Amino acid sequence: MKKRFWRIEYSLTLIVIFAIALMLVPTQFITSKEASYISKWNDTYHKVEYIFSAMHAQEDSEVVKSFKRAKTNEARESLMRNLVKPHLRISEDDAITKKYAPHYMNGNKVAKNDKYHIEKFYLTRNDKLIGIKDIKNNDIFHPAFIMAFDVNGLKAPNTWGKDIFGVNIFIDGRVAPIGAGWDIDELKRDCSETGTGVSCSYYYRIGGEFNE
């Protein structure tokens, strides 16, 4: 009788251990994957910061004049793309033709008229997606362009704050992760499952945790 009860208890213990393992493994996998995205984002940001620092040092008056003469958002975007293409090693042939539908962290689709909607993305040699958008601010206190990076390329989740991150580009050549300048409560609200996730670009760089 005791042996039978021992077997039942032993079996129940194994079932409980197996159930806990099933719950933990996906969580560990997701955490590892998310940590990988953040690591890729940090590497990307350092490269972008260096590129714009180098570009600003080499900037000549003709480039500045070209931006001032540009009359439309499209013209300014084209100028910026032409400036960064050699540094990012992309060309017009790298523009993606497949459907790409990014989302915010709260699950909402990035709509065409949203600030963070970018019309054209390019696929780099290391399978990142890069997009540039002109938001035309001509003072040094507000960004003139947004640049977005999907560190996972065309693969899912294609979501801001998960595998999509971005920088603001200022007219004086400075770059800053989107979210820089927001207060900590705003960052926590936005970089969550109820927010857009755009500010995660900065929040993770100051030590915020994934989906905190």
C-alpha atoms as a PDB file:
ATOM      1  CA  MET A   1       0.000   0.000   0.000  1.00  0.00           C
ATOM      2  CA  LYS A   2       2.809   2.369   0.977  1.00  0.00           C
ATOM      3  CA  LYS A   3       4.628   1.562  -2.250  1.00  0.00           C
ATOM      4  CA  ARG A   4       1.524   2.438  -4.261  1.00  0.00           C
ATOM      5  CA  PHE A   5       1.132   5.793  -2.492  1.00  0.00           C
ATOM      6  CA  TRP A   6       4.831   6.475  -3.030  1.00  0.00           C
ATOM      7  CA  ARG A   7       4.397   5.902  -6.769  1.00  0.00           C
ATOM      8  CA  ILE A   8       1.404   8.258  -6.884  1.00  0.00           C
ATOM      9  CA  GLU A   9       3.299  10.965  -4.992  1.00  0.00           C
ATOM     10  CA  TYR A  10       6.346  10.451  -7.203  1.00  0.00           C
ATOM     11  CA  SER A  11       4.215  10.732 -10.352  1.00  0.00           C
ATOM     12  CA  LEU A  12       2.498  13.893  -9.084  1.00  0.00           C
ATOM     13  CA  THR A  13       5.892  15.436  -8.297  1.00  0.00           C
ATOM     14  CA  LEU A  14       7.119  14.696 -11.827  1.00  0.00           C
ATOM     15  CA  ILE A  15       3.952  16.191 -13.343  1.00  0.00           C
ATOM     16  CA  VAL A  16       4.354  19.388 -11.289  1.00  0.00           C
ATOM     17  CA  ILE A  17       8.048  19.707 -12.253  1.00  0.00           C
ATOM     18  CA  PHE A  18       7.194  19.123 -15.916  1.00  0.00           C
ATOM     19  CA  ALA A  19       4.397  21.747 -15.802  1.00  0.00           C
ATOM     20  CA  ILE A  20       6.722  24.324 -14.222  1.00  0.00           C
ATOM     21  CA  ALA A  21       9.368  23.572 -16.854  1.00  0.00           C
ATOM     22  CA  LEU A  22       6.817  24.110 -19.626  1.00  0.00           C
ATOM     23  CA  MET A  23       5.907  27.493 -18.153  1.00  0.00           C
ATOM     24  CA  LEU A  24       9.503  28.605 -17.673  1.00  0.00           C
ATOM     25  CA  VAL A  25      11.053  27.550 -20.972  1.00  0.00           C
ATOM     26  CA  PRO A  26       8.970  29.879 -23.214  1.00  0.00           C
ATOM     27  CA  THR A  27       9.580  32.758 -20.803  1.00  0.00           C
ATOM     28  CA  GLN A  28      13.320  32.161 -20.829  1.00  0.00           C
ATOM     29  CA  PHE A  29      13.281  31.865 -24.617  1.00  0.00           C
ATOM     30  CA  ILE A  30      11.343  35.130 -25.023  1.00  0.00           C
ATOM     31  CA  THR A  31      13.595  36.921 -22.546  1.00  0.00           C
ATOM     32  CA  SER A  32      16.694  35.708 -24.396  1.00  0.00           C
ATOM     33  CA  LYS A  33      15.224  36.783 -27.745  1.00  0.00           C
ATOM     34  CA  GLU A  34      14.259  40.211 -26.420  1.00  0.00           C
ATOM     35  CA  ALA A  35      17.712  40.672 -24.887  1.00  0.00           C
ATOM     36  CA  SER A  36      19.177  39.878 -28.308  1.00  0.00           C
ATOM     37  CA  TYR A  37      17.009  42.587 -29.937  1.00  0.00           C
ATOM     38  CA  ILE A  38      18.110  45.162 -27.356  1.00  0.00           C
ATOM     39  CA  SER A  39      21.758  44.215 -27.847  1.00  0.00           C
ATOM     40  CA  LYS A  40      21.377  44.630 -31.622  1.00  0.00           C
ATOM     41  CA  TRP A  41      19.696  47.979 -31.078  1.00  0.00           C
ATOM     42  CA  ASN A  42      22.517  49.218 -28.846  1.00  0.00           C
ATOM     43  CA  ASP A  43      25.097  48.195 -31.464  1.00  0.00           C
ATOM     44  CA  THR A  44      23.054  49.895 -34.189  1.00  0.00           C
ATOM     45  CA  TYR A  45      22.705  53.098 -32.199  1.00  0.00           C
ATOM     46  CA  HIS A  46      26.454  53.350 -31.584  1.00  0.00           C
ATOM     47  CA  LYS A  47      27.095  52.958 -35.317  1.00  0.00           C
ATOM     48  CA  VAL A  48      24.472  55.558 -36.252  1.00  0.00           C
ATOM     49  CA  GLU A  49      25.849  58.005 -33.689  1.00  0.00           C
ATOM     50  CA  TYR A  50      29.328  57.562 -35.151  1.00  0.00           C
ATOM     51  CA  ILE A  51      28.080  57.925 -38.740  1.00  0.00           C
ATOM     52  CA  PHE A  52      26.321  61.216 -38.044  1.00  0.00           C
ATOM     53  CA  SER A  53      29.265  62.525 -36.070  1.00  0.00           C
ATOM     54  CA  ALA A  54      31.530  61.775 -39.051  1.00  0.00           C
ATOM     55  CA  MET A  55      29.033  63.246 -41.524  1.00  0.00           C
ATOM     56  CA  HIS A  56      28.703  66.426 -39.474  1.00  0.00           C
ATOM     57  CA  ALA A  57      32.482  66.842 -39.369  1.00  0.00           C
ATOM     58  CA  GLN A  58      32.643  66.560 -43.178  1.00  0.00           C
ATOM     59  CA  GLU A  59      29.548  68.620 -43.900  1.00  0.00           C
ATOM     60  CA  ASP A  60      30.042  71.372 -46.468  1.00  0.00           C
ATOM     61  CA  SER A  61      28.017  74.454 -47.261  1.00  0.00           C
ATOM     62  CA  GLU A  62      26.508  72.927 -50.416  1.00  0.00           C
ATOM     63  CA  VAL A  63      24.837  70.177 -48.397  1.00  0.00           C
ATOM     64  CA  VAL A  64      23.330  72.736 -46.015  1.00  0.00           C
ATOM     65  CA  LYS A  65      22.138  74.843 -48.961  1.00  0.00           C
ATOM     66  CA  SER A  66      20.562  71.783 -50.600  1.00  0.00           C
ATOM     67  CA  PHE A  67      18.456  71.098 -47.515  1.00  0.00           C
ATOM     68  CA  LYS A  68      17.379  74.723 -47.312  1.00  0.00           C
ATOM     69  CA  ARG A  69      16.376  74.738 -50.982  1.00  0.00           C
ATOM     70  CA  ALA A  70      14.321  71.527 -50.711  1.00  0.00           C
ATOM     71  CA  LYS A  71      10.628  72.404 -50.849  1.00  0.00           C
ATOM     72  CA  THR A  72       8.986  69.104 -49.916  1.00  0.00           C
ATOM     73  CA  ASN A  73       9.321  66.351 -47.350  1.00  0.00           C
ATOM     74  CA  GLU A  74      10.078  63.894 -50.140  1.00  0.00           C
ATOM     75  CA  ALA A  75      12.935  66.062 -51.443  1.00  0.00           C
ATOM     76  CA  ARG A  76      14.484  66.351 -47.982  1.00  0.00           C
ATOM     77  CA  GLU A  77      14.101  62.622 -47.338  1.00  0.00           C
ATOM     78  CA  SER A  78      15.816  61.910 -50.649  1.00  0.00           C
ATOM     79  CA  LEU A  79      18.711  64.196 -49.708  1.00  0.00           C
ATOM     80  CA  MET A  80      19.109  62.528 -46.316  1.00  0.00           C
ATOM     81  CA  ARG A  81      18.938  59.040 -47.845  1.00  0.00           C
ATOM     82  CA  ASN A  82      21.632  59.967 -50.354  1.00  0.00           C
ATOM     83  CA  LEU A  83      23.820  61.235 -47.513  1.00  0.00           C
ATOM     84  CA  VAL A  84      23.533  58.105 -45.363  1.00  0.00           C
ATOM     85  CA  LYS A  85      23.453  55.430 -48.069  1.00  0.00           C
ATOM     86  CA  PRO A  86      27.241  55.173 -48.518  1.00  0.00           C
ATOM     87  CA  HIS A  87      27.741  54.938 -44.755  1.00  0.00           C
ATOM     88  CA  LEU A  88      25.002  52.328 -44.295  1.00  0.00           C
ATOM     89  CA  ARG A  89      25.994  50.535 -47.509  1.00  0.00           C
ATOM     90  CA  ILE A  90      22.531  50.565 -49.044  1.00  0.00           C
ATOM     91  CA  SER A  91      21.302  51.563 -52.487  1.00  0.00           C
ATOM     92  CA  GLU A  92      17.953  52.023 -54.205  1.00  0.00           C
ATOM     93  CA  ASP A  93      18.118  48.360 -55.208  1.00  0.00           C
ATOM     94  CA  ASP A  94      17.829  47.495 -51.499  1.00  0.00           C
ATOM     95  CA  ALA A  95      14.390  49.121 -51.138  1.00  0.00           C
ATOM     96  CA  ILE A  96      11.981  46.384 -50.029  1.00  0.00           C
ATOM     97  CA  THR A  97       9.057  45.479 -52.254  1.00  0.00           C
ATOM     98  CA  LYS A  98       7.413  42.966 -49.885  1.00  0.00           C
ATOM     99  CA  LYS A  99       4.533  44.041 -47.674  1.00  0.00           C
ATOM    100  CA  TYR A 100       5.809  45.395 -44.383  1.00  0.00           C
ATOM    101  CA  ALA A 101       3.231  46.315 -41.727  1.00  0.00           C
ATOM    102  CA  PRO A 102       4.813  47.471 -38.443  1.00  0.00           C
ATOM    103  CA  HIS A 103       2.787  47.717 -35.235  1.00  0.00           C
ATOM    104  CA  TYR A 104       3.032  49.547 -31.952  1.00  0.00           C
ATOM    105  CA  MET A 105       3.668  47.647 -28.724  1.00  0.00           C
ATOM    106  CA  ASN A 106      -0.025  47.887 -27.788  1.00  0.00           C
ATOM    107  CA  GLY A 107      -0.908  45.924 -30.925  1.00  0.00           C
ATOM    108  CA  ASN A 108      -2.209  48.829 -33.010  1.00  0.00           C
ATOM    109  CA  LYS A 109      -1.010  49.039 -36.583  1.00  0.00           C
ATOM    110  CA  VAL A 110       1.172  52.023 -37.514  1.00  0.00           C
ATOM    111  CA  ALA A 111      -1.296  53.998 -39.631  1.00  0.00           C
ATOM    112  CA  LYS A 112      -0.302  55.839 -42.800  1.00  0.00           C
ATOM    113  CA  ASN A 113      -0.893  59.288 -41.284  1.00  0.00           C
ATOM    114  CA  ASP A 114       0.985  58.543 -38.037  1.00  0.00           C
ATOM    115  CA  LYS A 115       4.163  60.390 -37.146  1.00  0.00           C
ATOM    116  CA  TYR A 116       6.054  57.091 -37.019  1.00  0.00           C
ATOM    117  CA  HIS A 117       4.814  55.753 -40.339  1.00  0.00           C
ATOM    118  CA  ILE A 118       7.734  55.486 -42.777  1.00  0.00           C
ATOM    119  CA  GLU A 119       6.961  54.910 -46.413  1.00  0.00           C
ATOM    120  CA  LYS A 120      10.209  53.400 -47.650  1.00  0.00           C
ATOM    121  CA  PHE A 121      12.482  50.838 -45.977  1.00  0.00           C
ATOM    122  CA  TYR A 122      15.791  49.418 -47.136  1.00  0.00           C
ATOM    123  CA  LEU A 123      17.192  45.968 -46.359  1.00  0.00           C
ATOM    124  CA  THR A 124      20.849  46.042 -45.336  1.00  0.00           C
ATOM    125  CA  ARG A 125      23.421  43.301 -45.894  1.00  0.00           C
ATOM    126  CA  ASN A 126      23.084  42.198 -42.271  1.00  0.00           C
ATOM    127  CA  ASP A 127      19.283  41.878 -42.616  1.00  0.00           C
ATOM    128  CA  LYS A 128      18.247  45.044 -40.814  1.00  0.00           C
ATOM    129  CA  LEU A 129      15.527  47.307 -42.192  1.00  0.00           C
ATOM    130  CA  ILE A 130      16.226  51.046 -42.289  1.00  0.00           C
ATOM    131  CA  GLY A 131      13.725  53.818 -42.988  1.00  0.00           C
ATOM    132  CA  ILE A 132      13.988  57.616 -42.963  1.00  0.00           C
ATOM    133  CA  LYS A 133      11.215  60.178 -42.580  1.00  0.00           C
ATOM    134  CA  ASP A 134      11.377  63.967 -42.784  1.00  0.00           C
ATOM    135  CA  ILE A 135       9.336  65.760 -40.118  1.00  0.00           C
ATOM    136  CA  LYS A 136      10.647  69.214 -41.109  1.00  0.00           C
ATOM    137  CA  ASN A 137      11.615  71.151 -38.031  1.00  0.00           C
ATOM    138  CA  ASN A 138      14.199  73.802 -38.744  1.00  0.00           C
ATOM    139  CA  ASP A 139      15.247  74.718 -35.219  1.00  0.00           C
ATOM    140  CA  ILE A 140      17.917  72.919 -33.215  1.00  0.00           C
ATOM    141  CA  PHE A 141      15.507  71.974 -30.417  1.00  0.00           C
ATOM    142  CA  HIS A 142      13.210  69.707 -32.444  1.00  0.00           C
ATOM    143  CA  PRO A 143      14.099  66.739 -34.660  1.00  0.00           C
ATOM    144  CA  ALA A 144      14.134  67.244 -38.417  1.00  0.00           C
ATOM    145  CA  PHE A 145      14.105  63.531 -39.305  1.00  0.00           C
ATOM    146  CA  ILE A 146      13.192  60.165 -37.835  1.00  0.00           C
ATOM    147  CA  MET A 147      15.255  57.111 -38.695  1.00  0.00           C
ATOM    148  CA  ALA A 148      13.817  53.689 -37.814  1.00  0.00           C
ATOM    149  CA  PHE A 149      15.598  50.330 -37.628  1.00  0.00           C
ATOM    150  CA  ASP A 150      13.998  46.905 -37.577  1.00  0.00           C
ATOM    151  CA  VAL A 151      16.872  44.880 -36.130  1.00  0.00           C
ATOM    152  CA  ASN A 152      15.096  41.650 -37.083  1.00  0.00           C
ATOM    153  CA  GLY A 153      14.491  42.598 -40.699  1.00  0.00           C
ATOM    154  CA  LEU A 154      11.280  41.368 -42.297  1.00  0.00           C
ATOM    155  CA  LYS A 155      10.815  38.662 -39.647  1.00  0.00           C
ATOM    156  CA  ALA A 156       8.155  39.084 -36.952  1.00  0.00           C
ATOM    157  CA  PRO A 157       7.280  40.714 -34.630  1.00  0.00           C
ATOM    158  CA  ASN A 158       7.877  43.991 -36.612  1.00  0.00           C
ATOM    159  CA  THR A 159       6.854  45.956 -33.535  1.00  0.00           C
ATOM    160  CA  TRP A 160       8.079  49.244 -32.063  1.00  0.00           C
ATOM    161  CA  GLY A 161       9.851  48.588 -28.777  1.00  0.00           C
ATOM    162  CA  LYS A 162      10.397  44.899 -29.592  1.00  0.00           C
ATOM    163  CA  ASP A 163      12.443  44.710 -32.777  1.00  0.00           C
ATOM    164  CA  ILE A 164      11.865  48.250 -34.142  1.00  0.00           C
ATOM    165  CA  PHE A 165      13.756  51.192 -32.646  1.00  0.00           C
ATOM    166  CA  GLY A 166      14.526  54.688 -33.820  1.00  0.00           C
ATOM    167  CA  VAL A 167      16.435  57.921 -33.529  1.00  0.00           C
ATOM    168  CA  ASN A 168      15.595  61.570 -33.910  1.00  0.00           C
ATOM    169  CA  ILE A 169      17.958  63.468 -36.191  1.00  0.00           C
ATOM    170  CA  PHE A 170      18.402  67.183 -35.564  1.00  0.00           C
ATOM    171  CA  ILE A 171      19.271  69.863 -38.073  1.00  0.00           C
ATOM    172  CA  ASP A 172      22.650  70.441 -36.425  1.00  0.00           C
ATOM    173  CA  GLY A 173      23.651  66.800 -36.999  1.00  0.00           C
ATOM    174  CA  ARG A 174      22.874  65.467 -33.503  1.00  0.00           C
ATOM    175  CA  VAL A 175      21.088  62.155 -33.068  1.00  0.00           C
ATOM    176  CA  ALA A 176      19.190  60.921 -30.017  1.00  0.00           C
ATOM    177  CA  PRO A 177      17.111  57.796 -29.356  1.00  0.00           C
ATOM    178  CA  ILE A 178      13.374  58.425 -29.595  1.00  0.00           C
ATOM    179  CA  GLY A 179      12.182  59.042 -26.043  1.00  0.00           C
ATOM    180  CA  ALA A 180      15.179  61.112 -24.945  1.00  0.00           C
ATOM    181  CA  GLY A 181      13.833  64.104 -23.020  1.00  0.00           C
ATOM    182  CA  TRP A 182      10.683  62.291 -21.833  1.00  0.00           C
ATOM    183  CA  ASP A 183      10.257  61.964 -18.093  1.00  0.00           C
ATOM    184  CA  ILE A 184      10.602  58.512 -16.543  1.00  0.00           C
ATOM    185  CA  ASP A 185       6.865  58.026 -15.958  1.00  0.00           C
ATOM    186  CA  GLU A 186       6.120  58.794 -19.620  1.00  0.00           C
ATOM    187  CA  LEU A 187       8.795  56.336 -20.681  1.00  0.00           C
ATOM    188  CA  LYS A 188       7.398  53.575 -18.466  1.00  0.00           C
ATOM    189  CA  ARG A 189       3.852  54.139 -19.729  1.00  0.00           C
ATOM    190  CA  ASP A 190       4.852  54.222 -23.381  1.00  0.00           C
ATOM    191  CA  CYS A 191       7.385  51.382 -23.237  1.00  0.00           C
ATOM    192  CA  SER A 192       4.776  48.841 -22.151  1.00  0.00           C
ATOM    193  CA  GLU A 193       2.061  46.631 -23.597  1.00  0.00           C
ATOM    194  CA  THR A 194      -0.394  49.552 -23.307  1.00  0.00           C
ATOM    195  CA  GLY A 195       1.870  52.104 -25.025  1.00  0.00           C
ATOM    196  CA  THR A 196       3.304  52.632 -28.495  1.00  0.00           C
ATOM    197  CA  GLY A 197       6.791  51.399 -27.625  1.00  0.00           C
ATOM    198  CA  VAL A 198       8.550  54.124 -29.636  1.00  0.00           C
ATOM    199  CA  SER A 199      10.276  55.495 -26.529  1.00  0.00           C
ATOM    200  CA  CYS A 200      11.768  52.077 -25.717  1.00  0.00           C
ATOM    201  CA  SER A 201      14.566  53.203 -28.035  1.00  0.00           C
ATOM    202  CA  TYR A 202      15.752  55.467 -25.226  1.00  0.00           C
ATOM    203  CA  TYR A 203      14.307  53.624 -22.224  1.00  0.00           C
ATOM    204  CA  TYR A 204      16.370  50.482 -22.831  1.00  0.00           C
ATOM    205  CA  ARG A 205      19.512  52.537 -23.254  1.00  0.00           C
ATOM    206  CA  ILE A 206      19.152  53.952 -19.743  1.00  0.00           C
ATOM    207  CA  GLY A 207      18.630  50.522 -18.215  1.00  0.00           C
ATOM    208  CA  GLY A 208      14.856  50.075 -18.465  1.00  0.00           C
ATOM    209  CA  GLU A 209      13.750  46.456 -18.573  1.00  0.00           C
ATOM    210  CA  PHE A 210      11.885  44.811 -21.424  1.00  0.00           C
ATOM    211  CA  ASN A 211       8.121  45.153 -20.909  1.00  0.00           C
ATOM    212  CA  GLU A 212       8.680  46.462 -17.388  1.00  0.00           C
END
